[in-house]
């Protein structure tokens, strides 16, 4: 099949279904441990959705399967119409991922790192794209500094630049503001909101910051022990559980107080 026709076909599938990400009965076991157990959901194109749960709830494993890095034991996950277990090569250039726990090579400069990732994602004009990101994310003053010599806030900006280098249609975020001061965290959230609005991107966010989730997300999928235990808009979940905040709802579910 012609590659351009194939890509066009995937876009049409995603558009017709209205779901940028679709999981069906996802299950993943590691030896005798069930990390994800029959998880199903659809993530609407252009939305921002939170995948929440305590440590060990299955968030990171689910994201790994969505990225095509972890093969499901059973079930299926598709992104932009492509089955990630068999066809991920068709859509990887239209996705990206950001986590503060994934470091870039310390000896390379920021510019060199971004060139590497631009090449991996097939960016047509990397110099132009890096210049755009340097301007919008305030990277210019340290573009030629080694990544290992950056401050925490500077590393966060570079990580965000790496995540946006290919202008992804689907952006997966794992604790994007962990350990950041309130001002830097707010800066990151503002840039994410701006990018989603301008690009019409789909964002799936794993976070332990409930205020962040309430601000950014249209919807919350709650996981516990590898299963979906609730799903809805933040305000609707707060009302359903009769609480004042999403953090209180999270604690009720995590501690087994939810009815």
C-alpha atoms as a PDB file:
ATOM      1  CA  UNK A   1       0.000   0.000   0.000  1.00  0.00           C
ATOM      2  CA  UNK A   2       1.221   3.510  -0.789  1.00  0.00           C
ATOM      3  CA  UNK A   3       2.493   5.061   2.476  1.00  0.00           C
ATOM      4  CA  UNK A   4       0.753   8.430   1.924  1.00  0.00           C
ATOM      5  CA  UNK A   5      -2.529   6.688   1.171  1.00  0.00           C
ATOM      6  CA  UNK A   6      -2.018   4.542   4.265  1.00  0.00           C
ATOM      7  CA  UNK A   7      -1.496   7.609   6.467  1.00  0.00           C
ATOM      8  CA  UNK A   8      -4.536   9.291   4.936  1.00  0.00           C
ATOM      9  CA  UNK A   9      -6.584   6.201   5.624  1.00  0.00           C
ATOM     10  CA  UNK A  10      -5.530   6.198   9.280  1.00  0.00           C
ATOM     11  CA  UNK A  11      -6.526   9.842   9.619  1.00  0.00           C
ATOM     12  CA  UNK A  12      -9.948   9.048   8.182  1.00  0.00           C
ATOM     13  CA  UNK A  13     -10.416   6.115  10.565  1.00  0.00           C
ATOM     14  CA  UNK A  14      -9.533   8.262  13.576  1.00  0.00           C
ATOM     15  CA  UNK A  15     -11.761  11.090  12.424  1.00  0.00           C
ATOM     16  CA  UNK A  16     -14.722   8.840  11.705  1.00  0.00           C
ATOM     17  CA  UNK A  17     -14.532   7.131  15.089  1.00  0.00           C
ATOM     18  CA  UNK A  18     -13.974  10.393  16.982  1.00  0.00           C
ATOM     19  CA  UNK A  19     -11.408   8.610  19.163  1.00  0.00           C
ATOM     20  CA  UNK A  20      -7.706   9.384  18.969  1.00  0.00           C
ATOM     21  CA  UNK A  21      -6.936   6.589  21.460  1.00  0.00           C
ATOM     22  CA  UNK A  22      -9.020   3.448  21.898  1.00  0.00           C
ATOM     23  CA  UNK A  23      -8.340   0.662  24.412  1.00  0.00           C
ATOM     24  CA  UNK A  24     -10.333  -2.572  24.437  1.00  0.00           C
ATOM     25  CA  UNK A  25     -10.024  -5.102  27.272  1.00  0.00           C
ATOM     26  CA  UNK A  26      -6.347  -4.312  27.799  1.00  0.00           C
ATOM     27  CA  UNK A  27      -4.614  -6.778  30.080  1.00  0.00           C
ATOM     28  CA  UNK A  28      -0.953  -7.020  31.026  1.00  0.00           C
ATOM     29  CA  UNK A  29       0.636  -9.522  33.350  1.00  0.00           C
ATOM     30  CA  UNK A  30       4.259  -9.733  34.463  1.00  0.00           C
ATOM     31  CA  UNK A  31       4.805 -13.345  35.543  1.00  0.00           C
ATOM     32  CA  UNK A  32       2.098 -13.752  38.224  1.00  0.00           C
ATOM     33  CA  UNK A  33       1.396 -10.024  38.694  1.00  0.00           C
ATOM     34  CA  UNK A  34      -1.608  -8.484  36.925  1.00  0.00           C
ATOM     35  CA  UNK A  35      -0.615  -4.870  36.217  1.00  0.00           C
ATOM     36  CA  UNK A  36      -3.571  -3.967  33.975  1.00  0.00           C
ATOM     37  CA  UNK A  37      -6.815  -5.915  34.046  1.00  0.00           C
ATOM     38  CA  UNK A  38      -9.468  -5.550  31.294  1.00  0.00           C
ATOM     39  CA  UNK A  39      -9.111  -1.792  30.822  1.00  0.00           C
ATOM     40  CA  UNK A  40     -11.308  -0.191  28.142  1.00  0.00           C
ATOM     41  CA  UNK A  41     -11.794   3.458  27.165  1.00  0.00           C
ATOM     42  CA  UNK A  42     -11.943   5.832  24.197  1.00  0.00           C
ATOM     43  CA  UNK A  43     -10.163   9.199  24.259  1.00  0.00           C
ATOM     44  CA  UNK A  44     -11.822  11.802  22.044  1.00  0.00           C
ATOM     45  CA  UNK A  45      -9.653  13.614  19.530  1.00  0.00           C
ATOM     46  CA  UNK A  46      -8.705  17.120  20.709  1.00  0.00           C
ATOM     47  CA  UNK A  47      -9.440  16.414  24.378  1.00  0.00           C
ATOM     48  CA  UNK A  48      -7.262  16.379  27.486  1.00  0.00           C
ATOM     49  CA  UNK A  49      -7.854  13.301  29.649  1.00  0.00           C
ATOM     50  CA  UNK A  50      -6.271  12.308  32.959  1.00  0.00           C
ATOM     51  CA  UNK A  51      -5.348   8.734  33.787  1.00  0.00           C
ATOM     52  CA  UNK A  52      -5.337   8.682  37.590  1.00  0.00           C
ATOM     53  CA  UNK A  53      -4.585   6.169  40.292  1.00  0.00           C
ATOM     54  CA  UNK A  54      -2.265   5.487  43.182  1.00  0.00           C
ATOM     55  CA  UNK A  55       1.164   3.917  42.844  1.00  0.00           C
ATOM     56  CA  UNK A  56       0.791   0.499  41.255  1.00  0.00           C
ATOM     57  CA  UNK A  57      -2.639   1.266  39.790  1.00  0.00           C
ATOM     58  CA  UNK A  58      -1.454   0.503  36.253  1.00  0.00           C
ATOM     59  CA  UNK A  59      -1.047   4.002  34.791  1.00  0.00           C
ATOM     60  CA  UNK A  60       2.513   3.687  33.517  1.00  0.00           C
ATOM     61  CA  UNK A  61       1.898   0.206  32.088  1.00  0.00           C
ATOM     62  CA  UNK A  62      -1.212   1.462  30.290  1.00  0.00           C
ATOM     63  CA  UNK A  63       0.705   4.390  28.809  1.00  0.00           C
ATOM     64  CA  UNK A  64       3.466   1.992  27.756  1.00  0.00           C
ATOM     65  CA  UNK A  65       0.935  -0.099  25.851  1.00  0.00           C
ATOM     66  CA  UNK A  66      -0.562   3.002  24.234  1.00  0.00           C
ATOM     67  CA  UNK A  67       2.927   3.977  23.058  1.00  0.00           C
ATOM     68  CA  UNK A  68       3.558   0.505  21.687  1.00  0.00           C
ATOM     69  CA  UNK A  69       6.514  -0.036  24.024  1.00  0.00           C
ATOM     70  CA  UNK A  70       4.742  -2.798  25.991  1.00  0.00           C
ATOM     71  CA  UNK A  71       2.804  -5.543  24.253  1.00  0.00           C
ATOM     72  CA  UNK A  72      -0.553  -6.366  25.877  1.00  0.00           C
ATOM     73  CA  UNK A  73      -0.995  -9.875  27.216  1.00  0.00           C
ATOM     74  CA  UNK A  74      -4.450  -9.625  25.687  1.00  0.00           C
ATOM     75  CA  UNK A  75      -6.764  -6.933  24.378  1.00  0.00           C
ATOM     76  CA  UNK A  76      -6.077  -4.164  21.886  1.00  0.00           C
ATOM     77  CA  UNK A  77      -5.066  -0.506  21.848  1.00  0.00           C
ATOM     78  CA  UNK A  78      -5.182   1.742  18.791  1.00  0.00           C
ATOM     79  CA  UNK A  79      -3.913   5.297  18.278  1.00  0.00           C
ATOM     80  CA  UNK A  80      -5.125   7.399  15.349  1.00  0.00           C
ATOM     81  CA  UNK A  81      -6.598   4.247  13.880  1.00  0.00           C
ATOM     82  CA  UNK A  82      -3.439   2.096  14.085  1.00  0.00           C
ATOM     83  CA  UNK A  83      -3.173  -1.063  16.187  1.00  0.00           C
ATOM     84  CA  UNK A  84      -0.152  -0.297  18.377  1.00  0.00           C
ATOM     85  CA  UNK A  85       0.869  -3.944  18.684  1.00  0.00           C
ATOM     86  CA  UNK A  86       1.168  -4.390  14.903  1.00  0.00           C
ATOM     87  CA  UNK A  87       1.069  -1.026  13.130  1.00  0.00           C
ATOM     88  CA  UNK A  88       2.741   1.460  15.457  1.00  0.00           C
ATOM     89  CA  UNK A  89       5.300   2.407  12.789  1.00  0.00           C
ATOM     90  CA  UNK A  90       2.484   4.159  10.930  1.00  0.00           C
ATOM     91  CA  UNK A  91       1.691   6.643  13.677  1.00  0.00           C
ATOM     92  CA  UNK A  92       4.760   7.008  15.910  1.00  0.00           C
ATOM     93  CA  UNK A  93       5.824  10.157  14.046  1.00  0.00           C
ATOM     94  CA  UNK A  94       2.448  11.703  14.963  1.00  0.00           C
ATOM     95  CA  UNK A  95       2.842  10.989  18.687  1.00  0.00           C
ATOM     96  CA  UNK A  96       5.216  12.043  21.443  1.00  0.00           C
ATOM     97  CA  UNK A  97       5.859  11.520  25.149  1.00  0.00           C
ATOM     98  CA  UNK A  98       7.189  13.633  28.011  1.00  0.00           C
ATOM     99  CA  UNK A  99       8.281  12.681  31.503  1.00  0.00           C
ATOM    100  CA  UNK A 100      10.677  14.360  33.944  1.00  0.00           C
ATOM    101  CA  UNK A 101      11.978  10.898  34.805  1.00  0.00           C
ATOM    102  CA  UNK A 102      13.476  10.399  31.325  1.00  0.00           C
ATOM    103  CA  UNK A 103      16.759  12.266  30.961  1.00  0.00           C
ATOM    104  CA  UNK A 104      18.494  13.389  27.776  1.00  0.00           C
ATOM    105  CA  UNK A 105      22.173  12.609  27.081  1.00  0.00           C
ATOM    106  CA  UNK A 106      24.080  14.972  29.390  1.00  0.00           C
ATOM    107  CA  UNK A 107      27.087  15.541  27.152  1.00  0.00           C
ATOM    108  CA  UNK A 108      25.073  16.725  24.170  1.00  0.00           C
ATOM    109  CA  UNK A 109      23.976  20.336  24.006  1.00  0.00           C
ATOM    110  CA  UNK A 110      20.310  21.208  24.004  1.00  0.00           C
ATOM    111  CA  UNK A 111      20.488  21.957  20.280  1.00  0.00           C
ATOM    112  CA  UNK A 112      22.211  18.640  19.548  1.00  0.00           C
ATOM    113  CA  UNK A 113      19.624  16.723  21.567  1.00  0.00           C
ATOM    114  CA  UNK A 114      16.771  18.398  19.724  1.00  0.00           C
ATOM    115  CA  UNK A 115      18.399  17.637  16.365  1.00  0.00           C
ATOM    116  CA  UNK A 116      18.630  13.966  17.359  1.00  0.00           C
ATOM    117  CA  UNK A 117      14.936  13.799  18.247  1.00  0.00           C
ATOM    118  CA  UNK A 118      13.961  15.800  15.164  1.00  0.00           C
ATOM    119  CA  UNK A 119      15.738  13.157  13.091  1.00  0.00           C
ATOM    120  CA  UNK A 120      14.043  10.304  14.933  1.00  0.00           C
ATOM    121  CA  UNK A 121      10.627  11.843  14.302  1.00  0.00           C
ATOM    122  CA  UNK A 122      11.345  12.759  10.687  1.00  0.00           C
ATOM    123  CA  UNK A 123      10.953  16.525  11.103  1.00  0.00           C
ATOM    124  CA  UNK A 124      11.342  18.053   7.625  1.00  0.00           C
ATOM    125  CA  UNK A 125      13.176  21.246   8.607  1.00  0.00           C
ATOM    126  CA  UNK A 126      14.748  20.671  12.050  1.00  0.00           C
ATOM    127  CA  UNK A 127      16.643  23.985  12.152  1.00  0.00           C
ATOM    128  CA  UNK A 128      13.430  25.934  11.602  1.00  0.00           C
ATOM    129  CA  UNK A 129      11.446  23.868  14.117  1.00  0.00           C
ATOM    130  CA  UNK A 130      14.155  24.179  16.790  1.00  0.00           C
ATOM    131  CA  UNK A 131      14.261  27.949  16.246  1.00  0.00           C
ATOM    132  CA  UNK A 132      10.472  28.120  16.666  1.00  0.00           C
ATOM    133  CA  UNK A 133      10.602  26.137  19.900  1.00  0.00           C
ATOM    134  CA  UNK A 134      13.559  28.146  21.219  1.00  0.00           C
ATOM    135  CA  UNK A 135      11.524  31.301  20.736  1.00  0.00           C
ATOM    136  CA  UNK A 136       8.229  30.046  22.160  1.00  0.00           C
ATOM    137  CA  UNK A 137       9.737  28.116  25.094  1.00  0.00           C
ATOM    138  CA  UNK A 138      12.535  30.585  25.941  1.00  0.00           C
ATOM    139  CA  UNK A 139      15.417  28.219  25.186  1.00  0.00           C
ATOM    140  CA  UNK A 140      17.629  30.560  23.184  1.00  0.00           C
ATOM    141  CA  UNK A 141      20.074  31.497  25.959  1.00  0.00           C
ATOM    142  CA  UNK A 142      21.033  27.887  26.696  1.00  0.00           C
ATOM    143  CA  UNK A 143      20.566  26.132  23.320  1.00  0.00           C
ATOM    144  CA  UNK A 144      24.295  25.457  23.117  1.00  0.00           C
ATOM    145  CA  UNK A 145      24.752  24.437  26.743  1.00  0.00           C
ATOM    146  CA  UNK A 146      25.220  20.774  27.651  1.00  0.00           C
ATOM    147  CA  UNK A 147      21.987  19.179  28.862  1.00  0.00           C
ATOM    148  CA  UNK A 148      23.704  17.958  32.029  1.00  0.00           C
ATOM    149  CA  UNK A 149      24.465  21.534  33.087  1.00  0.00           C
ATOM    150  CA  UNK A 150      20.895  22.807  33.036  1.00  0.00           C
ATOM    151  CA  UNK A 151      18.777  23.762  36.037  1.00  0.00           C
ATOM    152  CA  UNK A 152      15.601  21.791  36.804  1.00  0.00           C
ATOM    153  CA  UNK A 153      13.423  24.472  35.240  1.00  0.00           C
ATOM    154  CA  UNK A 154      15.573  24.610  32.107  1.00  0.00           C
ATOM    155  CA  UNK A 155      15.470  20.822  31.785  1.00  0.00           C
ATOM    156  CA  UNK A 156      11.689  21.004  31.947  1.00  0.00           C
ATOM    157  CA  UNK A 157      11.581  23.479  29.064  1.00  0.00           C
ATOM    158  CA  UNK A 158      13.876  21.277  26.996  1.00  0.00           C
ATOM    159  CA  UNK A 159      11.777  18.181  27.770  1.00  0.00           C
ATOM    160  CA  UNK A 160       8.704  20.053  26.595  1.00  0.00           C
ATOM    161  CA  UNK A 161      10.528  21.139  23.416  1.00  0.00           C
ATOM    162  CA  UNK A 162      11.468  17.503  22.757  1.00  0.00           C
ATOM    163  CA  UNK A 163       7.821  16.479  23.273  1.00  0.00           C
ATOM    164  CA  UNK A 164       6.602  19.096  20.781  1.00  0.00           C
ATOM    165  CA  UNK A 165       9.432  18.787  18.222  1.00  0.00           C
ATOM    166  CA  UNK A 166       7.250  16.875  15.730  1.00  0.00           C
ATOM    167  CA  UNK A 167       4.035  18.824  16.457  1.00  0.00           C
ATOM    168  CA  UNK A 168       2.344  15.646  17.717  1.00  0.00           C
ATOM    169  CA  UNK A 169      -1.342  14.969  17.298  1.00  0.00           C
ATOM    170  CA  UNK A 170      -1.254  12.740  20.393  1.00  0.00           C
ATOM    171  CA  UNK A 171       0.812  13.761  23.420  1.00  0.00           C
ATOM    172  CA  UNK A 172       1.324  11.415  26.380  1.00  0.00           C
ATOM    173  CA  UNK A 173       2.478  13.005  29.635  1.00  0.00           C
ATOM    174  CA  UNK A 174       3.697  11.232  32.769  1.00  0.00           C
ATOM    175  CA  UNK A 175       3.866  13.607  35.761  1.00  0.00           C
ATOM    176  CA  UNK A 176       4.973  16.564  33.583  1.00  0.00           C
ATOM    177  CA  UNK A 177       5.279  19.009  36.512  1.00  0.00           C
ATOM    178  CA  UNK A 178       6.647  16.664  39.189  1.00  0.00           C
ATOM    179  CA  UNK A 179       9.108  18.386  41.581  1.00  0.00           C
ATOM    180  CA  UNK A 180       8.690  21.780  39.913  1.00  0.00           C
ATOM    181  CA  UNK A 181       8.113  24.997  41.838  1.00  0.00           C
ATOM    182  CA  UNK A 182       4.597  26.479  41.444  1.00  0.00           C
ATOM    183  CA  UNK A 183       5.695  29.178  38.984  1.00  0.00           C
ATOM    184  CA  UNK A 184       7.485  26.763  36.629  1.00  0.00           C
ATOM    185  CA  UNK A 185       4.651  24.229  36.903  1.00  0.00           C
ATOM    186  CA  UNK A 186       2.131  26.922  35.959  1.00  0.00           C
ATOM    187  CA  UNK A 187       4.326  27.885  32.991  1.00  0.00           C
ATOM    188  CA  UNK A 188       4.324  24.268  31.755  1.00  0.00           C
ATOM    189  CA  UNK A 189       0.550  23.943  32.110  1.00  0.00           C
ATOM    190  CA  UNK A 190      -0.024  27.180  30.210  1.00  0.00           C
ATOM    191  CA  UNK A 191       2.163  25.992  27.324  1.00  0.00           C
ATOM    192  CA  UNK A 192       0.350  22.654  27.198  1.00  0.00           C
ATOM    193  CA  UNK A 193      -3.044  24.355  27.158  1.00  0.00           C
ATOM    194  CA  UNK A 194      -1.874  26.707  24.417  1.00  0.00           C
ATOM    195  CA  UNK A 195      -0.482  23.871  22.304  1.00  0.00           C
ATOM    196  CA  UNK A 196      -3.616  21.729  22.578  1.00  0.00           C
ATOM    197  CA  UNK A 197      -5.845  24.674  21.684  1.00  0.00           C
ATOM    198  CA  UNK A 198      -3.799  25.773  18.653  1.00  0.00           C
ATOM    199  CA  UNK A 199      -2.960  22.312  17.326  1.00  0.00           C
ATOM    200  CA  UNK A 200      -6.165  20.474  18.252  1.00  0.00           C
ATOM    201  CA  UNK A 201      -3.969  17.817  19.854  1.00  0.00           C
ATOM    202  CA  UNK A 202      -5.116  14.985  22.097  1.00  0.00           C
ATOM    203  CA  UNK A 203      -3.412  14.847  25.499  1.00  0.00           C
ATOM    204  CA  UNK A 204      -3.393  11.915  27.922  1.00  0.00           C
ATOM    205  CA  UNK A 205      -1.988  12.929  31.292  1.00  0.00           C
ATOM    206  CA  UNK A 206      -0.900  10.831  34.272  1.00  0.00           C
ATOM    207  CA  UNK A 207      -0.515  13.018  37.346  1.00  0.00           C
ATOM    208  CA  UNK A 208      -0.745  13.017  41.130  1.00  0.00           C
ATOM    209  CA  UNK A 209      -1.481  16.757  41.161  1.00  0.00           C
ATOM    210  CA  UNK A 210      -5.270  16.971  41.389  1.00  0.00           C
ATOM    211  CA  UNK A 211      -5.375  20.767  40.998  1.00  0.00           C
ATOM    212  CA  UNK A 212      -3.457  20.328  37.748  1.00  0.00           C
ATOM    213  CA  UNK A 213      -5.944  17.721  36.563  1.00  0.00           C
ATOM    214  CA  UNK A 214      -8.917  19.932  37.405  1.00  0.00           C
ATOM    215  CA  UNK A 215      -7.347  22.773  35.443  1.00  0.00           C
ATOM    216  CA  UNK A 216      -6.237  20.884  32.341  1.00  0.00           C
ATOM    217  CA  UNK A 217      -8.564  17.931  31.884  1.00  0.00           C
ATOM    218  CA  UNK A 218     -11.990  17.468  30.339  1.00  0.00           C
ATOM    219  CA  UNK A 219     -12.228  13.953  31.718  1.00  0.00           C
ATOM    220  CA  UNK A 220     -10.735  11.640  34.329  1.00  0.00           C
ATOM    221  CA  UNK A 221     -10.281   7.867  34.069  1.00  0.00           C
ATOM    222  CA  UNK A 222      -9.664   6.450  37.557  1.00  0.00           C
ATOM    223  CA  UNK A 223      -7.635   3.257  37.938  1.00  0.00           C
ATOM    224  CA  UNK A 224      -7.251   1.031  40.978  1.00  0.00           C
ATOM    225  CA  UNK A 225      -5.417  -2.305  41.031  1.00  0.00           C
ATOM    226  CA  UNK A 226      -5.245  -2.269  37.232  1.00  0.00           C
ATOM    227  CA  UNK A 227      -8.969  -1.705  36.665  1.00  0.00           C
ATOM    228  CA  UNK A 228     -11.087   1.303  35.688  1.00  0.00           C
ATOM    229  CA  UNK A 229     -13.168   2.136  38.765  1.00  0.00           C
ATOM    230  CA  UNK A 230     -14.699   5.421  37.597  1.00  0.00           C
ATOM    231  CA  UNK A 231     -14.739   7.729  34.604  1.00  0.00           C
ATOM    232  CA  UNK A 232     -16.122  11.231  34.097  1.00  0.00           C
ATOM    233  CA  UNK A 233     -15.555  14.969  34.015  1.00  0.00           C
ATOM    234  CA  UNK A 234     -13.775  16.341  37.108  1.00  0.00           C
ATOM    235  CA  UNK A 235     -16.788  18.416  38.182  1.00  0.00           C
ATOM    236  CA  UNK A 236     -19.147  15.477  37.662  1.00  0.00           C
ATOM    237  CA  UNK A 237     -16.980  13.168  39.791  1.00  0.00           C
ATOM    238  CA  UNK A 238     -16.735  15.775  42.563  1.00  0.00           C
ATOM    239  CA  UNK A 239     -20.532  16.089  42.561  1.00  0.00           C
ATOM    240  CA  UNK A 240     -21.054  12.313  42.380  1.00  0.00           C
ATOM    241  CA  UNK A 241     -18.955  11.672  45.494  1.00  0.00           C
ATOM    242  CA  UNK A 242     -20.252  14.739  47.314  1.00  0.00           C
ATOM    243  CA  UNK A 243     -16.783  16.191  47.783  1.00  0.00           C
ATOM    244  CA  UNK A 244     -15.249  19.641  47.431  1.00  0.00           C
ATOM    245  CA  UNK A 245     -12.271  18.699  45.276  1.00  0.00           C
ATOM    246  CA  UNK A 246     -10.925  16.011  42.998  1.00  0.00           C
ATOM    247  CA  UNK A 247      -8.220  15.261  45.554  1.00  0.00           C
ATOM    248  CA  UNK A 248     -10.899  14.209  48.067  1.00  0.00           C
ATOM    249  CA  UNK A 249     -12.492  11.978  45.405  1.00  0.00           C
ATOM    250  CA  UNK A 250      -9.083  10.436  44.657  1.00  0.00           C
ATOM    251  CA  UNK A 251      -8.515   9.687  48.346  1.00  0.00           C
ATOM    252  CA  UNK A 252     -11.982   8.140  48.740  1.00  0.00           C
ATOM    253  CA  UNK A 253     -11.300   5.765  45.835  1.00  0.00           C
ATOM    254  CA  UNK A 254      -7.698   4.999  46.812  1.00  0.00           C
ATOM    255  CA  UNK A 255      -8.660   4.236  50.421  1.00  0.00           C
ATOM    256  CA  UNK A 256     -11.756   2.227  49.540  1.00  0.00           C
ATOM    257  CA  UNK A 257     -14.225   4.714  50.995  1.00  0.00           C
ATOM    258  CA  UNK A 258     -16.145   5.164  47.737  1.00  0.00           C
ATOM    259  CA  UNK A 259     -19.514   3.474  47.579  1.00  0.00           C
END
